[in-house]
Amino acid sequence: MNRRLNEDDDYYFNSDGLVVFTKEYLLQRGYCCGNGCKNCPYDYKNVEEPRRSLLLKKREEEGEVD
């Protein structure tokens, strides 16, 4: 995946000014990087416990479950 990233399509800046990758970009990348990306479509597969469970719980509470 060697291409230039496009704002809005691949990422956006949150209210704190941090870069957040889009779900579409993460799907194109093809794997969970283990960093706990907000829009991770892989259910945080490579995030270590207990952080993984906390992220999944937070996502569920925020109503961001697919």
C-alpha atoms as a PDB file:
ATOM      1  CA  MET A   1       0.000   0.000   0.000  1.00  0.00           C
ATOM      2  CA  ASN A   2       2.428   2.603  -1.223  1.00  0.00           C
ATOM      3  CA  ARG A   3       0.293   5.574  -2.090  1.00  0.00           C
ATOM      4  CA  ARG A   4      -0.197   9.073  -0.848  1.00  0.00           C
ATOM      5  CA  LEU A   5      -2.866   9.349   1.848  1.00  0.00           C
ATOM      6  CA  ASN A   6      -5.835  11.631   1.269  1.00  0.00           C
ATOM      7  CA  GLU A   7      -7.413  13.600   4.074  1.00  0.00           C
ATOM      8  CA  ASP A   8     -11.077  12.652   4.576  1.00  0.00           C
ATOM      9  CA  ASP A   9     -10.762   9.440   2.532  1.00  0.00           C
ATOM     10  CA  ASP A  10      -7.928   7.891   4.533  1.00  0.00           C
ATOM     11  CA  TYR A  11      -7.731   9.962   7.700  1.00  0.00           C
ATOM     12  CA  TYR A  12      -9.090  12.976   9.535  1.00  0.00           C
ATOM     13  CA  PHE A  13      -8.070  15.090  12.494  1.00  0.00           C
ATOM     14  CA  ASN A  14     -10.051  14.706  15.703  1.00  0.00           C
ATOM     15  CA  SER A  15     -10.929  17.581  18.029  1.00  0.00           C
ATOM     16  CA  ASP A  16      -7.563  17.188  19.777  1.00  0.00           C
ATOM     17  CA  GLY A  17      -5.704  17.533  16.484  1.00  0.00           C
ATOM     18  CA  LEU A  18      -4.682  13.878  16.326  1.00  0.00           C
ATOM     19  CA  VAL A  19      -4.742  11.868  13.102  1.00  0.00           C
ATOM     20  CA  VAL A  20      -7.470   9.211  12.988  1.00  0.00           C
ATOM     21  CA  PHE A  21      -7.438   6.665  10.170  1.00  0.00           C
ATOM     22  CA  THR A  22     -10.777   5.873   8.538  1.00  0.00           C
ATOM     23  CA  LYS A  23     -12.281   2.403   8.635  1.00  0.00           C
ATOM     24  CA  GLU A  24     -11.968   2.240   4.848  1.00  0.00           C
ATOM     25  CA  TYR A  25      -8.237   2.951   4.989  1.00  0.00           C
ATOM     26  CA  LEU A  26      -7.718   0.376   7.714  1.00  0.00           C
ATOM     27  CA  LEU A  27      -9.622  -2.226   5.685  1.00  0.00           C
ATOM     28  CA  GLN A  28      -7.397  -1.500   2.685  1.00  0.00           C
ATOM     29  CA  ARG A  29      -4.327  -1.911   4.879  1.00  0.00           C
ATOM     30  CA  GLY A  30      -5.577  -5.393   5.622  1.00  0.00           C
ATOM     31  CA  TYR A  31      -4.590  -6.074   9.232  1.00  0.00           C
ATOM     32  CA  CYS A  32      -4.808  -4.829  12.808  1.00  0.00           C
ATOM     33  CA  CYS A  33      -1.611  -2.986  13.731  1.00  0.00           C
ATOM     34  CA  GLY A  34      -2.191  -3.419  17.469  1.00  0.00           C
ATOM     35  CA  ASN A  35      -2.209   0.301  18.272  1.00  0.00           C
ATOM     36  CA  GLY A  36      -5.903   0.482  19.165  1.00  0.00           C
ATOM     37  CA  CYS A  37      -7.007   2.629  16.233  1.00  0.00           C
ATOM     38  CA  LYS A  38     -10.406   4.203  16.869  1.00  0.00           C
ATOM     39  CA  ASN A  39     -11.905   2.830  13.651  1.00  0.00           C
ATOM     40  CA  CYS A  40     -10.223  -0.590  13.707  1.00  0.00           C
ATOM     41  CA  PRO A  41     -12.408  -2.955  11.657  1.00  0.00           C
ATOM     42  CA  TYR A  42     -10.587  -6.001  13.058  1.00  0.00           C
ATOM     43  CA  ASP A  43     -11.937  -5.798  16.632  1.00  0.00           C
ATOM     44  CA  TYR A  44      -8.485  -4.853  17.901  1.00  0.00           C
ATOM     45  CA  LYS A  45      -7.217  -8.367  17.136  1.00  0.00           C
ATOM     46  CA  ASN A  46      -3.555  -7.543  17.830  1.00  0.00           C
ATOM     47  CA  VAL A  47      -4.069  -5.259  20.843  1.00  0.00           C
ATOM     48  CA  GLU A  48      -2.904  -6.858  24.069  1.00  0.00           C
ATOM     49  CA  GLU A  49      -5.231  -7.471  26.982  1.00  0.00           C
ATOM     50  CA  PRO A  50      -6.572  -5.857  29.057  1.00  0.00           C
ATOM     51  CA  ARG A  51      -6.534  -2.891  26.669  1.00  0.00           C
ATOM     52  CA  ARG A  52      -8.315  -4.862  23.923  1.00  0.00           C
ATOM     53  CA  SER A  53     -11.285  -5.617  26.166  1.00  0.00           C
ATOM     54  CA  LEU A  54     -11.461  -1.999  27.306  1.00  0.00           C
ATOM     55  CA  LEU A  55     -11.478  -0.730  23.720  1.00  0.00           C
ATOM     56  CA  LEU A  56     -14.187  -3.195  22.690  1.00  0.00           C
ATOM     57  CA  LYS A  57     -16.306  -2.225  25.692  1.00  0.00           C
ATOM     58  CA  LYS A  58     -15.877   1.477  24.937  1.00  0.00           C
ATOM     59  CA  ARG A  59     -16.859   0.926  21.296  1.00  0.00           C
ATOM     60  CA  GLU A  60     -19.964  -0.972  22.360  1.00  0.00           C
ATOM     61  CA  GLU A  61     -20.951   1.725  24.859  1.00  0.00           C
ATOM     62  CA  GLU A  62     -20.547   4.416  22.218  1.00  0.00           C
ATOM     63  CA  GLY A  63     -22.774   2.478  19.837  1.00  0.00           C
ATOM     64  CA  GLU A  64     -20.082   1.999  17.221  1.00  0.00           C
ATOM     65  CA  VAL A  65     -20.651  -1.716  16.744  1.00  0.00           C
ATOM     66  CA  ASP A  66     -21.203  -2.827  13.141  1.00  0.00           C
END
